[in-house]
Amino acid sequence: MIAVQHRSTPLRRRPLAVQLAAVVLAIAALPGVAQTSVDTSWIRFRSEPARRLFPQLPAARTTNTGAHAPSSSLPVTNCDDDGPGSLRQTIAAAADGDTVDLTALRCGTITLQTGAIPVGVDSLVLNGPGRFMLSIGGNQLDRVFLHYGGGTLTVHGLTISDGRNRADEFDIAGGGCIASAGYIALYDSTIRNCYARGQGAYGGALYAYSLTMSNSTLSGNHAFGAQEQGSTAAFGGAAFVYGLQLAGSTISGNRADHQADGDFASYDIGGGIVAVRGGSVYDSTIDTNVSGARGGGIAVFSNLSVFNSTVSSNRAAGEIGGGFFLRWPAALQLGNSTVTSNSAGFDGGGVWLNAPGSVFASSIIFGNSSDVGNRDNRYGGPTAVLIEGGRNLVGPAAPLTNLPADTLHADPQLLPLAYNGGSTRTHALAAASPAIDAGNNESGLLFDQRGSAFPRVFGAATDIGAFEQQGAAPPPAQVPVPALSGWLSALLVSLLAAAAWARQPRRRPARRAFRDR
């Protein structure tokens, strides 16, 4: 379930495609390396040299906090691809910090026919009527948005779909629906069915310096490495970013894989997301994502914190880290979370890490697997790795993985992934689960993954995992009938008697026959 490997231990193969990006990213992730000294001009999203995205590997960034003119709200009045009142023209007229207002549209879909919409300002807000009410689609012709600014492109209440970016020859593709040189923030939104294809494919749906998501979904996106004359790389089926913050969101059914060719190597990583500099995940579900090699669910090169979240049924088909892949020196802080039903082709079906410093608290890592015998249970590097924390329930781990002394190893009796309340799916606990009342809440969480209707502590103690068993629903309260005074009782009896008499049938008098006169 948990596999560790020392960084000096060789993996099965060192693919040539690492020369495209993996080496650059690994160097950038190491502490003390000057970020701006690395040449990454191979990231060519546009042919114009002045408008490349990330012409150099970015250092830490902040949004522009200088003085701005008062922002405006600009309404979109029709669902045309272009022309007066269209989304394209409204964005072209926007200034930094403006809001593009789509809330009045009732057409359901804006389908782009003439290519991606460029966003030239640093920061812009796209405010929609709701993700189930309006979709902006790329029509499988091009991306949907190209954000050249260094600030934040905020998407609220929208679905963005069907974007496509295909790079020819030895070029690099990325951000099938949105490519940004700055930050992307998604609120109550969905990005789906996006596609990036190239010798290197970075982010099937999104490519950005940083991604923030709240109550949003990335689903059905695909990063595909394809090149008939060379090695390939696919990073992040849904998103390739440097920083990551997820809250109350879902990453589901995304893929990072390659065109099979036995003559050339491939490097596929992060079926769901690649976050180079790590980040945080709260109250979220990462499920059913697939990587051709490493990190079926999520892959990071720096520290990752995960709380109140579920990582389920992800797969690293060729190599390691079905649920999580953490490249040295990254460590994992896992609290009150559930990692289950993930699988790997070689090792580390649930969690794969190879550096000290990880802390697991009140979490389930159980029911994960690998294809090569029991390699997920047996494989380990030459140096032991200590996992700190406590009150976990963990399946068999690698021999050199030292878990906290109070770790449980019993079957947690998880029910299938389902909507058990809240906006994300969870694995409920069966009534007899040993995880019930066996965990802790050292993180001080108020609620379980499902949100405010589900207290994090219910019963004698906190349950282990993302789901807190709330017990049987209480019986409806019995409301006593107030006693009646004597005279009111007598009056009530009289009224009932009168009502009963009034309901009795009446006899009609006999009709007398008319006499002839």
Protein backbone atom coordinates (compact mmCIF):
# COMPACT_ATOMS: atom_id res chain seq x y z
CA MET A 1 0.00 0.00 0.00
CA ILE A 2 2.81 2.40 0.94
CA ALA A 3 6.12 2.11 -0.83
CA VAL A 4 9.33 3.98 -0.21
CA GLN A 5 12.53 4.25 -2.18
CA HIS A 6 15.77 6.07 -1.48
CA ARG A 7 16.61 8.58 -4.18
CA SER A 8 19.87 6.77 -5.00
CA THR A 9 18.04 3.59 -5.92
CA PRO A 10 17.48 3.35 -9.69
CA LEU A 11 13.98 2.91 -11.06
CA ARG A 12 13.22 0.50 -13.83
CA ARG A 13 13.96 3.00 -16.58
CA ARG A 14 15.09 6.54 -17.14
CA PRO A 15 13.06 7.64 -20.16
CA LEU A 16 14.58 9.95 -22.74
CA ALA A 17 11.56 12.21 -22.50
CA VAL A 18 12.85 13.42 -19.17
CA GLN A 19 15.17 15.60 -21.26
CA LEU A 20 12.14 17.56 -22.36
CA ALA A 21 10.86 18.55 -18.97
CA ALA A 22 11.32 16.23 -16.05
CA VAL A 23 14.94 17.14 -15.42
CA VAL A 24 14.12 20.85 -15.58
CA LEU A 25 11.23 20.44 -13.16
CA ALA A 26 13.21 18.27 -10.78
CA ILE A 27 16.02 20.85 -10.66
CA ALA A 28 13.49 23.62 -10.09
CA ALA A 29 11.96 21.72 -7.18
CA LEU A 30 15.23 21.36 -5.28
CA PRO A 31 15.83 23.92 -2.54
CA GLY A 32 18.42 26.56 -3.19
CA VAL A 33 18.28 26.42 -6.98
CA ALA A 34 17.93 29.78 -8.72
CA GLN A 35 14.60 29.47 -10.48
CA THR A 36 15.10 32.05 -13.21
CA SER A 37 18.40 30.57 -14.36
CA VAL A 38 16.73 27.58 -16.00
CA ASP A 39 16.00 27.89 -19.69
CA THR A 40 12.62 26.41 -20.56
CA SER A 41 12.07 28.07 -23.91
CA TRP A 42 10.94 24.68 -25.17
CA ILE A 43 7.50 25.54 -23.79
CA ARG A 44 6.12 27.08 -26.95
CA PHE A 45 2.41 27.76 -26.70
CA ARG A 46 2.41 30.42 -29.39
CA SER A 47 4.85 30.95 -32.24
CA GLU A 48 5.25 34.69 -31.49
CA PRO A 49 8.37 35.02 -29.27
CA ALA A 50 6.89 38.00 -27.43
CA ARG A 51 3.78 36.09 -26.39
CA ARG A 52 5.14 32.79 -25.18
CA LEU A 53 3.75 31.51 -21.94
CA PHE A 54 6.47 30.77 -19.40
CA PRO A 55 9.47 31.58 -21.63
CA GLN A 56 11.49 30.94 -18.48
CA LEU A 57 10.69 28.76 -15.50
CA PRO A 58 8.90 31.15 -13.14
CA ALA A 59 10.10 31.99 -9.67
CA ALA A 60 7.64 32.61 -6.84
CA ARG A 61 5.06 35.15 -7.98
CA THR A 62 2.53 37.51 -6.49
CA THR A 63 -0.38 39.28 -8.09
CA ASN A 64 -0.06 42.94 -8.97
CA THR A 65 -1.07 44.88 -5.85
CA GLY A 66 -0.47 48.37 -7.20
CA ALA A 67 -3.14 51.03 -7.56
CA HIS A 68 -5.88 50.25 -10.08
CA ALA A 69 -8.66 52.24 -11.61
CA PRO A 70 -12.08 51.26 -10.23
CA SER A 71 -13.10 47.95 -11.75
CA SER A 72 -16.16 47.66 -13.95
CA SER A 73 -18.75 44.99 -14.59
CA LEU A 74 -19.14 44.41 -18.31
CA PRO A 75 -22.27 42.51 -19.42
CA VAL A 76 -22.24 39.89 -22.16
CA THR A 77 -25.53 40.26 -24.04
CA ASN A 78 -25.51 37.39 -26.52
CA CYS A 79 -24.03 33.92 -27.11
CA ASP A 80 -22.31 34.69 -30.40
CA ASP A 81 -18.69 33.73 -31.02
CA ASP A 82 -17.75 37.30 -31.89
CA GLY A 83 -19.19 40.72 -32.54
CA PRO A 84 -20.92 43.36 -30.38
CA GLY A 85 -22.10 42.00 -27.04
CA SER A 86 -20.22 38.72 -27.40
CA LEU A 87 -17.92 37.23 -24.77
CA ARG A 88 -14.91 37.63 -27.03
CA GLN A 89 -15.48 41.32 -27.65
CA THR A 90 -16.36 42.01 -24.02
CA ILE A 91 -13.10 40.46 -22.83
CA ALA A 92 -11.17 42.43 -25.45
CA ALA A 93 -12.63 45.65 -24.02
CA ALA A 94 -11.96 44.75 -20.37
CA ALA A 95 -9.41 46.47 -18.18
CA ASP A 96 -7.34 44.88 -15.44
CA GLY A 97 -9.55 43.82 -12.53
CA ASP A 98 -12.86 44.00 -14.42
CA THR A 99 -15.69 41.47 -14.18
CA VAL A 100 -17.23 40.03 -17.33
CA ASP A 101 -20.86 39.38 -16.41
CA LEU A 102 -22.58 36.43 -18.12
CA THR A 103 -25.34 35.97 -15.55
CA ALA A 104 -28.13 37.27 -17.80
CA LEU A 105 -27.49 34.74 -20.60
CA ARG A 106 -30.09 32.02 -21.08
CA CYS A 107 -28.71 30.33 -24.20
CA GLY A 108 -27.03 27.46 -22.33
CA THR A 109 -23.93 27.28 -24.54
CA ILE A 110 -21.38 29.57 -26.14
CA THR A 111 -19.53 27.64 -28.86
CA LEU A 112 -16.31 29.18 -30.11
CA GLN A 113 -15.80 28.94 -33.88
CA THR A 114 -12.79 31.20 -34.43
CA GLY A 115 -10.25 29.99 -31.86
CA ALA A 116 -9.32 30.68 -28.27
CA ILE A 117 -10.27 33.94 -26.58
CA PRO A 118 -7.13 35.87 -25.53
CA VAL A 119 -7.09 37.51 -22.09
CA GLY A 120 -4.43 40.21 -22.18
CA VAL A 121 -5.00 41.86 -18.78
CA ASP A 122 -3.39 40.67 -15.58
CA SER A 123 -6.58 39.85 -13.68
CA LEU A 124 -10.12 39.22 -14.91
CA VAL A 125 -13.29 37.67 -13.43
CA LEU A 126 -15.70 35.63 -15.56
CA ASN A 127 -19.00 35.51 -13.64
CA GLY A 128 -21.59 33.05 -14.97
CA PRO A 129 -25.16 32.10 -14.04
CA GLY A 130 -24.17 28.64 -12.78
CA ARG A 131 -22.15 25.77 -14.16
CA PHE A 132 -25.28 23.81 -15.04
CA MET A 133 -26.79 26.80 -16.83
CA LEU A 134 -23.98 27.99 -19.11
CA SER A 135 -21.12 26.21 -20.87
CA ILE A 136 -18.35 27.79 -22.95
CA GLY A 137 -17.00 25.26 -25.44
CA GLY A 138 -13.94 25.17 -27.66
CA ASN A 139 -15.68 22.98 -30.23
CA GLN A 140 -12.59 20.69 -30.27
CA LEU A 141 -10.89 23.29 -32.48
CA ASP A 142 -8.67 25.24 -30.09
CA ARG A 143 -8.31 26.20 -26.46
CA VAL A 144 -11.08 28.21 -24.85
CA PHE A 145 -8.94 30.85 -23.10
CA LEU A 146 -5.33 32.05 -23.34
CA HIS A 147 -4.42 34.16 -20.31
CA TYR A 148 -1.24 36.16 -20.91
CA GLY A 149 -1.38 38.23 -17.72
CA GLY A 150 0.52 37.63 -14.50
CA GLY A 151 -2.51 37.98 -12.23
CA THR A 152 -5.57 35.79 -11.69
CA LEU A 153 -8.12 34.57 -14.20
CA THR A 154 -11.17 33.80 -12.04
CA VAL A 155 -13.99 31.59 -13.33
CA HIS A 156 -17.21 31.54 -11.31
CA GLY A 157 -20.43 29.66 -12.09
CA LEU A 158 -19.44 28.29 -15.50
CA THR A 159 -18.62 25.08 -17.34
CA ILE A 160 -15.71 25.23 -19.76
CA SER A 161 -15.40 22.27 -22.10
CA ASP A 162 -14.21 20.71 -25.32
CA GLY A 163 -10.99 22.68 -25.69
CA ARG A 164 -8.16 21.20 -27.71
CA ASN A 165 -4.49 21.98 -28.16
CA ARG A 166 -2.42 19.90 -30.53
CA ALA A 167 1.27 20.61 -31.12
CA ASP A 168 2.98 19.36 -34.28
CA GLU A 169 6.47 17.98 -34.77
CA PHE A 170 8.54 18.35 -31.59
CA ASP A 171 6.52 21.15 -30.04
CA ILE A 172 4.93 21.10 -26.62
CA ALA A 173 1.19 21.23 -25.97
CA GLY A 174 -0.60 22.16 -22.78
CA GLY A 175 -3.70 23.62 -21.23
CA GLY A 176 -6.29 22.09 -23.54
CA CYS A 177 -8.98 24.47 -22.27
CA ILE A 178 -7.06 27.21 -20.42
CA ALA A 179 -3.37 28.11 -20.59
CA SER A 180 -2.31 30.85 -18.22
CA ALA A 181 0.96 32.63 -17.46
CA GLY A 182 -0.45 33.49 -14.03
CA TYR A 183 -3.06 32.10 -11.70
CA ILE A 184 -6.34 30.29 -12.31
CA ALA A 185 -9.13 30.33 -9.70
CA LEU A 186 -12.25 28.19 -10.14
CA TYR A 187 -15.36 28.66 -7.99
CA ASP A 188 -18.52 26.59 -8.48
CA SER A 189 -17.28 25.64 -11.93
CA THR A 190 -16.50 22.60 -14.08
CA ILE A 191 -13.73 22.06 -16.64
CA ARG A 192 -14.31 18.91 -18.70
CA ASN A 193 -13.52 17.05 -21.91
CA CYS A 194 -10.36 19.03 -22.71
CA TYR A 195 -7.39 17.61 -24.60
CA ALA A 196 -3.71 18.42 -25.07
CA ARG A 197 -1.51 16.42 -27.45
CA GLY A 198 2.16 16.87 -28.25
CA GLN A 199 5.56 15.36 -27.79
CA GLY A 200 5.19 16.89 -24.35
CA ALA A 201 1.61 17.40 -23.13
CA TYR A 202 1.26 19.51 -19.97
CA GLY A 203 -2.21 19.74 -18.47
CA GLY A 204 -5.03 18.20 -20.45
CA ALA A 205 -7.36 20.95 -19.23
CA LEU A 206 -5.29 23.56 -17.41
CA TYR A 207 -1.73 24.90 -17.50
CA ALA A 208 -0.93 27.67 -15.04
CA TYR A 209 1.49 28.87 -12.43
CA SER A 210 -1.08 28.22 -9.70
CA LEU A 211 -4.54 26.66 -9.43
CA THR A 212 -7.14 27.37 -6.74
CA MET A 213 -10.40 25.41 -6.80
CA SER A 214 -13.46 25.62 -4.53
CA ASN A 215 -16.59 23.53 -5.07
CA SER A 216 -15.42 22.78 -8.61
CA THR A 217 -14.70 19.77 -10.82
CA LEU A 218 -12.08 18.70 -13.36
CA SER A 219 -13.32 15.63 -15.23
CA GLY A 220 -12.75 13.68 -18.44
CA ASN A 221 -9.62 15.59 -19.49
CA HIS A 222 -6.62 14.07 -21.29
CA ALA A 223 -2.92 14.89 -21.68
CA PHE A 224 -1.52 12.71 -24.46
CA GLY A 225 2.15 12.37 -25.40
CA ALA A 226 2.49 11.60 -29.09
CA GLN A 227 5.49 11.73 -31.44
CA GLU A 228 6.29 9.19 -34.11
CA GLN A 229 10.03 9.91 -34.10
CA GLY A 230 10.91 10.44 -30.45
CA SER A 231 10.15 9.99 -26.80
CA THR A 232 7.14 11.62 -25.17
CA ALA A 233 5.98 13.08 -21.87
CA ALA A 234 2.47 13.62 -20.49
CA PHE A 235 2.22 15.64 -17.26
CA GLY A 236 -1.15 16.15 -15.56
CA GLY A 237 -4.23 14.66 -17.20
CA ALA A 238 -6.36 17.47 -15.80
CA ALA A 239 -3.83 20.13 -14.78
CA PHE A 240 -0.15 20.96 -14.75
CA VAL A 241 0.58 23.71 -12.22
CA TYR A 242 3.30 24.86 -9.85
CA GLY A 243 1.07 25.58 -6.83
CA LEU A 244 -2.22 23.90 -5.89
CA GLN A 245 -5.11 24.60 -3.51
CA LEU A 246 -8.20 22.37 -3.63
CA ALA A 247 -11.22 22.77 -1.36
CA GLY A 248 -14.52 20.91 -1.66
CA SER A 249 -13.67 19.85 -5.21
CA THR A 250 -13.52 16.75 -7.41
CA ILE A 251 -10.78 15.55 -9.77
CA SER A 252 -12.25 12.56 -11.61
CA GLY A 253 -11.75 10.46 -14.73
CA ASN A 254 -8.72 12.24 -16.19
CA ARG A 255 -5.77 10.64 -18.05
CA ALA A 256 -2.07 11.28 -18.71
CA ASP A 257 -0.68 8.70 -21.12
CA HIS A 258 1.09 8.31 -24.45
CA GLN A 259 1.04 6.82 -27.91
CA ALA A 260 2.50 3.35 -27.51
CA ASP A 261 5.73 2.85 -29.43
CA GLY A 262 8.25 0.22 -28.42
CA ASP A 263 11.16 2.08 -30.04
CA PHE A 264 10.90 5.15 -27.81
CA ALA A 265 10.48 5.83 -24.11
CA SER A 266 7.71 7.77 -22.41
CA TYR A 267 7.26 9.63 -19.16
CA ASP A 268 3.64 9.86 -17.98
CA ILE A 269 2.92 11.34 -14.57
CA GLY A 270 -0.09 12.68 -12.70
CA GLY A 271 -3.27 11.19 -14.13
CA GLY A 272 -5.20 13.85 -12.23
CA ILE A 273 -2.82 16.69 -11.38
CA VAL A 274 0.88 17.49 -11.36
CA ALA A 275 1.75 20.21 -8.81
CA VAL A 276 5.48 20.91 -9.05
CA ARG A 277 5.73 22.89 -5.83
CA GLY A 278 3.05 20.95 -3.97
CA GLY A 279 0.12 22.53 -2.17
CA SER A 280 -2.96 21.54 -0.20
CA VAL A 281 -6.12 19.47 -0.61
CA TYR A 282 -9.13 19.84 1.72
CA ASP A 283 -12.60 18.25 1.67
CA SER A 284 -12.04 16.90 -1.85
CA THR A 285 -12.24 13.66 -3.84
CA ILE A 286 -9.60 12.52 -6.34
CA ASP A 287 -10.84 9.38 -8.09
CA THR A 288 -10.64 7.21 -11.20
CA ASN A 289 -7.72 9.06 -12.79
CA VAL A 290 -5.10 7.15 -14.78
CA SER A 291 -1.43 7.78 -15.47
CA GLY A 292 0.53 5.71 -17.94
CA ALA A 293 3.42 5.49 -15.47
CA ARG A 294 3.47 7.42 -12.16
CA GLY A 295 1.03 9.14 -9.87
CA GLY A 296 -2.40 7.95 -10.91
CA GLY A 297 -4.20 10.50 -8.75
CA ILE A 298 -1.78 13.30 -7.98
CA ALA A 299 1.98 13.81 -8.38
CA VAL A 300 4.07 16.44 -6.59
CA PHE A 301 7.75 17.35 -6.36
CA SER A 302 7.37 19.34 -3.12
CA ASN A 303 5.39 18.89 0.11
CA LEU A 304 1.68 18.14 -0.06
CA SER A 305 -0.95 18.49 2.69
CA VAL A 306 -4.20 16.50 2.43
CA PHE A 307 -7.02 16.74 4.99
CA ASN A 308 -10.60 15.46 5.08
CA SER A 309 -10.25 14.02 1.57
CA THR A 310 -10.75 10.80 -0.39
CA VAL A 311 -8.30 9.36 -2.94
CA SER A 312 -9.91 6.34 -4.57
CA SER A 313 -9.63 4.05 -7.60
CA ASN A 314 -6.78 5.88 -9.31
CA ARG A 315 -4.20 3.92 -11.30
CA ALA A 316 -0.52 4.28 -12.22
CA ALA A 317 -0.62 1.76 -15.03
CA GLY A 318 3.07 1.31 -15.79
CA GLU A 319 5.01 2.12 -12.67
CA ILE A 320 4.48 3.58 -9.20
CA GLY A 321 2.14 5.56 -6.96
CA GLY A 322 -1.44 4.66 -7.76
CA GLY A 323 -2.93 7.26 -5.45
CA PHE A 324 -0.01 9.58 -4.64
CA PHE A 325 3.43 9.93 -6.17
CA LEU A 326 5.78 12.15 -4.16
CA ARG A 327 9.16 12.73 -5.73
CA TRP A 328 12.14 13.29 -3.43
CA PRO A 329 12.34 15.45 -1.33
CA ALA A 330 8.56 15.79 -1.05
CA ALA A 331 6.74 14.69 2.10
CA LEU A 332 3.03 14.02 2.67
CA GLN A 333 0.94 15.36 5.52
CA LEU A 334 -2.20 13.21 5.51
CA GLY A 335 -4.93 13.93 8.03
CA ASN A 336 -8.40 12.42 8.49
CA SER A 337 -8.40 11.11 4.93
CA THR A 338 -9.16 7.87 3.07
CA VAL A 339 -6.86 6.33 0.43
CA THR A 340 -8.30 3.13 -1.02
CA SER A 341 -8.80 1.00 -4.15
CA ASN A 342 -5.85 2.63 -5.94
CA SER A 343 -3.44 0.49 -7.95
CA ALA A 344 -0.02 0.59 -9.59
CA GLY A 345 1.61 -1.53 -12.27
CA PHE A 346 4.84 -1.88 -10.33
CA ASP A 347 4.81 -0.58 -6.77
CA GLY A 348 3.11 1.65 -4.23
CA GLY A 349 -0.55 1.14 -5.04
CA GLY A 350 -1.70 3.71 -2.50
CA VAL A 351 1.17 6.04 -1.59
CA TRP A 352 4.69 6.15 -3.06
CA LEU A 353 7.24 8.32 -1.29
CA ASN A 354 10.99 8.22 -0.70
CA ALA A 355 11.86 11.04 1.71
CA PRO A 356 11.57 11.56 5.45
CA GLY A 357 9.16 13.98 7.08
CA SER A 358 5.72 12.53 6.26
CA VAL A 359 2.98 12.64 8.93
CA PHE A 360 -0.15 10.46 8.81
CA ALA A 361 -2.92 11.16 11.34
CA SER A 362 -6.30 9.43 11.70
CA SER A 363 -6.21 8.26 8.08
CA ILE A 364 -7.13 5.08 6.22
CA ILE A 365 -4.68 3.66 3.63
CA PHE A 366 -6.15 0.28 2.88
CA GLY A 367 -7.26 -1.89 -0.05
CA ASN A 368 -4.69 -0.58 -2.54
CA SER A 369 -2.69 -2.93 -4.76
CA SER A 370 0.01 -3.41 -7.38
CA ASP A 371 0.22 -5.79 -10.30
CA VAL A 372 3.65 -7.36 -9.70
CA GLY A 373 3.04 -9.89 -6.95
CA ASN A 374 3.04 -8.04 -3.66
CA ARG A 375 5.51 -5.36 -4.67
CA ASP A 376 3.31 -2.70 -3.18
CA ASN A 377 3.82 -4.44 0.17
CA ARG A 378 7.46 -5.49 -0.16
CA TYR A 379 9.39 -2.91 -2.18
CA GLY A 380 11.60 -0.47 -0.33
CA GLY A 381 14.84 1.43 -0.66
CA PRO A 382 18.03 0.85 1.29
CA THR A 383 17.13 3.44 3.93
CA ALA A 384 14.14 3.19 6.25
CA VAL A 385 11.52 5.94 6.18
CA LEU A 386 9.77 6.95 9.40
CA ILE A 387 6.12 8.00 9.17
CA GLU A 388 5.14 10.15 12.14
CA GLY A 389 1.64 10.76 13.51
CA GLY A 390 -0.83 8.29 14.94
CA ARG A 391 -4.28 6.66 15.04
CA ASN A 392 -4.17 5.39 11.45
CA LEU A 393 -5.55 2.26 9.80
CA VAL A 394 -3.08 1.02 7.19
CA GLY A 395 -2.81 -2.10 5.07
CA PRO A 396 0.49 -3.92 4.53
CA ALA A 397 3.37 -1.51 3.91
CA ALA A 398 6.89 -1.83 2.60
CA PRO A 399 9.29 -3.42 5.12
CA LEU A 400 11.35 -0.24 5.49
CA THR A 401 8.29 1.93 6.11
CA ASN A 402 8.11 2.49 9.87
CA LEU A 403 4.54 3.37 10.83
CA PRO A 404 3.38 4.79 14.18
CA ALA A 405 3.15 2.14 16.91
CA ASP A 406 -0.63 2.53 17.34
CA THR A 407 -1.43 1.82 13.67
CA LEU A 408 -4.37 -0.54 13.10
CA HIS A 409 -4.29 -3.11 10.29
CA ALA A 410 -7.88 -4.46 10.27
CA ASP A 411 -10.26 -4.18 7.32
CA PRO A 412 -12.00 -0.78 7.69
CA GLN A 413 -15.16 -2.13 5.98
CA LEU A 414 -15.53 0.75 3.56
CA LEU A 415 -18.73 1.05 1.54
CA PRO A 416 -18.57 1.99 -2.19
CA LEU A 417 -17.72 5.54 -3.22
CA ALA A 418 -21.01 7.44 -3.25
CA TYR A 419 -22.74 10.70 -2.47
CA ASN A 420 -23.33 10.33 1.24
CA GLY A 421 -24.09 14.01 1.77
CA GLY A 422 -22.16 17.10 0.77
CA SER A 423 -20.92 17.99 -2.69
CA THR A 424 -18.21 15.31 -3.00
CA ARG A 425 -18.33 11.51 -2.85
CA THR A 426 -17.01 9.55 0.10
CA HIS A 427 -16.56 5.99 1.32
CA ALA A 428 -18.98 5.51 4.21
CA LEU A 429 -18.05 3.18 7.08
CA ALA A 430 -20.05 0.04 7.72
CA ALA A 431 -21.72 -0.13 11.13
CA ALA A 432 -19.12 -2.58 12.47
CA SER A 433 -16.05 -0.80 11.04
CA PRO A 434 -13.02 -0.79 13.40
CA ALA A 435 -12.32 2.76 12.21
CA ILE A 436 -15.34 4.10 14.15
CA ASP A 437 -14.29 6.07 17.26
CA ALA A 438 -10.66 4.94 16.77
CA GLY A 439 -9.11 8.12 15.35
CA ASN A 440 -8.23 11.60 16.53
CA ASN A 441 -8.90 15.18 15.57
CA GLU A 442 -5.57 16.77 16.35
CA SER A 443 -6.06 19.05 13.34
CA GLY A 444 -9.11 20.61 15.00
CA LEU A 445 -11.44 19.99 12.06
CA LEU A 446 -15.04 21.06 12.67
CA PHE A 447 -16.64 18.83 10.05
CA ASP A 448 -15.84 15.72 8.05
CA GLN A 449 -15.31 15.83 4.27
CA ARG A 450 -19.01 16.38 3.62
CA GLY A 451 -19.25 19.78 5.26
CA SER A 452 -21.16 21.66 7.92
CA ALA A 453 -24.01 19.16 8.36
CA PHE A 454 -21.57 16.44 9.46
CA PRO A 455 -19.53 17.10 12.64
CA ARG A 456 -15.96 15.81 12.57
CA VAL A 457 -16.43 14.28 16.03
CA PHE A 458 -19.60 12.26 16.57
CA GLY A 459 -19.94 9.69 19.33
CA ALA A 460 -17.20 8.66 21.72
CA ALA A 461 -14.31 9.84 19.52
CA THR A 462 -13.29 10.80 15.99
CA ASP A 463 -13.51 8.09 13.32
CA ILE A 464 -10.47 7.26 11.20
CA GLY A 465 -10.72 8.48 7.61
CA ALA A 466 -12.56 11.19 5.71
CA PHE A 467 -16.04 10.00 6.72
CA GLU A 468 -17.47 10.40 10.22
CA GLN A 469 -20.18 7.87 11.04
CA GLN A 470 -23.11 9.92 12.36
CA GLY A 471 -25.09 7.02 13.82
CA ALA A 472 -28.74 6.15 13.29
CA ALA A 473 -31.16 9.01 12.79
CA PRO A 474 -32.92 9.84 16.09
CA PRO A 475 -36.65 9.03 16.35
CA PRO A 476 -39.00 11.98 15.85
CA ALA A 477 -39.61 13.94 19.03
CA GLN A 478 -42.82 13.16 20.88
CA VAL A 479 -44.85 16.33 21.44
CA PRO A 480 -47.11 15.97 24.53
CA VAL A 481 -50.77 17.04 24.27
CA PRO A 482 -51.50 19.68 26.91
CA ALA A 483 -54.17 18.83 29.51
CA LEU A 484 -57.56 20.56 29.11
CA SER A 485 -59.42 22.32 31.90
CA GLY A 486 -62.75 20.84 33.13
CA TRP A 487 -65.06 23.36 31.49
CA LEU A 488 -63.08 23.17 28.20
CA SER A 489 -63.35 19.37 28.26
CA ALA A 490 -67.11 19.59 28.76
CA LEU A 491 -67.39 22.08 25.89
CA LEU A 492 -65.31 19.81 23.63
CA VAL A 493 -67.58 16.82 24.44
CA SER A 494 -70.65 18.90 23.62
CA LEU A 495 -69.20 20.06 20.32
CA LEU A 496 -68.25 16.52 19.29
CA ALA A 497 -71.73 15.29 20.18
CA ALA A 498 -73.31 18.10 18.16
CA ALA A 499 -71.10 17.30 15.21
CA ALA A 500 -72.06 13.64 15.37
CA TRP A 501 -75.79 14.51 15.50
CA ALA A 502 -75.35 16.83 12.52
CA ARG A 503 -73.87 13.98 10.49
CA GLN A 504 -76.90 11.68 11.04
CA PRO A 505 -79.07 11.05 7.94
CA ARG A 506 -82.40 12.93 7.76
CA ARG A 507 -85.69 11.28 6.78
CA ARG A 508 -87.57 13.06 4.08
CA PRO A 509 -91.37 13.40 4.68
CA ALA A 510 -93.62 11.27 2.45
CA ARG A 511 -94.77 13.12 -0.66
CA ARG A 512 -98.54 13.44 -0.87
CA ALA A 513 -100.23 12.62 -4.13
CA PHE A 514 -101.88 15.52 -6.01
CA ARG A 515 -105.58 15.37 -6.39
CA ASP A 516 -107.33 16.27 -9.68
CA ARG A 517 -109.63 19.22 -9.38
